[in-house]
Amino acid sequence: MEIISAVLRLILFLIGLVSLIKMKGSSFFYAWIFSQLIYFVAFFRIQSHNYYQMAMIPAFSVFMSAGLVKSVEVIKTTIRRR
C-alpha cells in the first residue's frame, strides 16, 4: 500500500512540476524546489534523522497540490465532453 501511495505522490508531483511552467510567477516555486534539492544534496551525509528532511515537505506539497488541481481539471473537461 505504501508503494502505491508513493507512486501516486510522485505522479502528482511530476504533473505539478510540468503544469506550473505555464503559470505566471511560478519562478518562485521553482527556485524554492531547487534550493531544497541543493540543501538535500549538500547535507545528505549529515542527515541522520528524518526531521532534517521535513524542510522539503512544503515545497514538494505545493507541486503535488498543483498536480492534483491539474488532474481534476483534466478529468472535469473529459467528463464534460461526453
C-alpha atoms as a PDB file:
ATOM      1  CA  MET A   1       0.000   0.000   0.000  1.00  0.00           C
ATOM      2  CA  GLU A   2       2.881   2.342   0.740  1.00  0.00           C
ATOM      3  CA  ILE A   3       4.306   1.810  -2.746  1.00  0.00           C
ATOM      4  CA  ILE A   4       1.009   2.798  -4.343  1.00  0.00           C
ATOM      5  CA  SER A   5       0.890   5.934  -2.231  1.00  0.00           C
ATOM      6  CA  ALA A   6       4.482   6.819  -3.099  1.00  0.00           C
ATOM      7  CA  VAL A   7       3.875   6.313  -6.821  1.00  0.00           C
ATOM      8  CA  LEU A   8       0.720   8.441  -6.665  1.00  0.00           C
ATOM      9  CA  ARG A   9       2.603  11.242  -4.884  1.00  0.00           C
ATOM     10  CA  LEU A  10       5.395  11.074  -7.444  1.00  0.00           C
ATOM     11  CA  ILE A  11       2.922  11.258 -10.325  1.00  0.00           C
ATOM     12  CA  LEU A  12       1.146  14.248  -8.764  1.00  0.00           C
ATOM     13  CA  PHE A  13       4.497  15.952  -8.155  1.00  0.00           C
ATOM     14  CA  LEU A  14       5.588  15.465 -11.757  1.00  0.00           C
ATOM     15  CA  ILE A  15       2.252  16.702 -13.121  1.00  0.00           C
ATOM     16  CA  GLY A  16       2.539  19.749 -10.866  1.00  0.00           C
ATOM     17  CA  LEU A  17       6.119  20.328 -11.963  1.00  0.00           C
ATOM     18  CA  VAL A  18       5.005  20.451 -15.590  1.00  0.00           C
ATOM     19  CA  SER A  19       1.746  22.346 -15.040  1.00  0.00           C
ATOM     20  CA  LEU A  20       3.312  25.218 -13.102  1.00  0.00           C
ATOM     21  CA  ILE A  21       5.604  26.073 -16.029  1.00  0.00           C
ATOM     22  CA  LYS A  22       2.763  27.885 -17.772  1.00  0.00           C
ATOM     23  CA  MET A  23       1.711  29.810 -14.668  1.00  0.00           C
ATOM     24  CA  LYS A  24       2.890  33.396 -14.344  1.00  0.00           C
ATOM     25  CA  GLY A  25       5.035  33.993 -11.277  1.00  0.00           C
ATOM     26  CA  SER A  26       5.961  30.351 -10.861  1.00  0.00           C
ATOM     27  CA  SER A  27       9.688  31.073 -10.860  1.00  0.00           C
ATOM     28  CA  PHE A  28       9.484  31.475  -7.071  1.00  0.00           C
ATOM     29  CA  PHE A  29       8.263  27.898  -6.692  1.00  0.00           C
ATOM     30  CA  TYR A  30      10.965  26.560  -8.983  1.00  0.00           C
ATOM     31  CA  ALA A  31      13.641  28.479  -7.072  1.00  0.00           C
ATOM     32  CA  TRP A  32      12.191  27.116  -3.846  1.00  0.00           C
ATOM     33  CA  ILE A  33      12.285  23.492  -5.003  1.00  0.00           C
ATOM     34  CA  PHE A  34      15.754  23.950  -6.500  1.00  0.00           C
ATOM     35  CA  SER A  35      17.075  25.356  -3.214  1.00  0.00           C
ATOM     36  CA  GLN A  36      15.550  22.419  -1.344  1.00  0.00           C
ATOM     37  CA  LEU A  37      17.246  19.956  -3.674  1.00  0.00           C
ATOM     38  CA  ILE A  38      20.575  21.725  -3.190  1.00  0.00           C
ATOM     39  CA  TYR A  39      20.016  21.583   0.581  1.00  0.00           C
ATOM     40  CA  PHE A  40      19.343  17.851   0.367  1.00  0.00           C
ATOM     41  CA  VAL A  41      22.410  17.145  -1.753  1.00  0.00           C
ATOM     42  CA  ALA A  42      24.723  19.343   0.313  1.00  0.00           C
ATOM     43  CA  PHE A  43      23.666  17.945   3.683  1.00  0.00           C
ATOM     44  CA  PHE A  44      22.905  14.379   2.656  1.00  0.00           C
ATOM     45  CA  ARG A  45      25.749  12.894   4.693  1.00  0.00           C
ATOM     46  CA  ILE A  46      24.827  14.569   7.971  1.00  0.00           C
ATOM     47  CA  GLN A  47      21.088  13.931   7.771  1.00  0.00           C
ATOM     48  CA  SER A  48      20.949  11.125  10.272  1.00  0.00           C
ATOM     49  CA  HIS A  49      17.391  11.933  11.371  1.00  0.00           C
ATOM     50  CA  ASN A  50      14.185  12.269   9.400  1.00  0.00           C
ATOM     51  CA  TYR A  51      13.387  15.725  10.743  1.00  0.00           C
ATOM     52  CA  TYR A  52      16.189  17.222   8.618  1.00  0.00           C
ATOM     53  CA  GLN A  53      14.199  16.238   5.545  1.00  0.00           C
ATOM     54  CA  MET A  54      10.968  17.787   6.835  1.00  0.00           C
ATOM     55  CA  ALA A  55      12.066  21.164   5.493  1.00  0.00           C
ATOM     56  CA  MET A  56      11.359  19.883   1.988  1.00  0.00           C
ATOM     57  CA  ILE A  57       7.728  18.940   2.655  1.00  0.00           C
ATOM     58  CA  PRO A  58       6.162  22.393   1.972  1.00  0.00           C
ATOM     59  CA  ALA A  59       7.971  22.831  -1.346  1.00  0.00           C
ATOM     60  CA  PHE A  60       7.019  19.379  -2.580  1.00  0.00           C
ATOM     61  CA  SER A  61       3.433  19.715  -1.359  1.00  0.00           C
ATOM     62  CA  VAL A  62       2.966  22.872  -3.455  1.00  0.00           C
ATOM     63  CA  PHE A  63       3.873  20.957  -6.600  1.00  0.00           C
ATOM     64  CA  MET A  64       1.784  17.953  -5.576  1.00  0.00           C
ATOM     65  CA  SER A  65      -1.253  20.152  -4.984  1.00  0.00           C
ATOM     66  CA  ALA A  66      -0.739  21.823  -8.371  1.00  0.00           C
ATOM     67  CA  GLY A  67      -0.632  18.354  -9.911  1.00  0.00           C
ATOM     68  CA  LEU A  68      -3.851  17.413  -8.144  1.00  0.00           C
ATOM     69  CA  VAL A  69      -5.586  20.578  -9.363  1.00  0.00           C
ATOM     70  CA  LYS A  70      -4.428  19.940 -12.930  1.00  0.00           C
ATOM     71  CA  SER A  71      -5.558  16.308 -12.759  1.00  0.00           C
ATOM     72  CA  VAL A  72      -9.018  17.315 -11.529  1.00  0.00           C
ATOM     73  CA  GLU A  73      -9.292  19.920 -14.300  1.00  0.00           C
ATOM     74  CA  VAL A  74      -8.420  17.328 -16.940  1.00  0.00           C
ATOM     75  CA  ILE A  75     -10.939  14.856 -15.511  1.00  0.00           C
ATOM     76  CA  LYS A  76     -13.671  17.514 -15.442  1.00  0.00           C
ATOM     77  CA  THR A  77     -13.064  18.532 -19.049  1.00  0.00           C
ATOM     78  CA  THR A  78     -13.122  14.932 -20.269  1.00  0.00           C
ATOM     79  CA  ILE A  79     -16.371  14.259 -18.413  1.00  0.00           C
ATOM     80  CA  ARG A  80     -17.993  17.398 -19.874  1.00  0.00           C
ATOM     81  CA  ARG A  81     -17.078  16.358 -23.422  1.00  0.00           C
ATOM     82  CA  ARG A  82     -19.018  13.115 -23.120  1.00  0.00           C
END
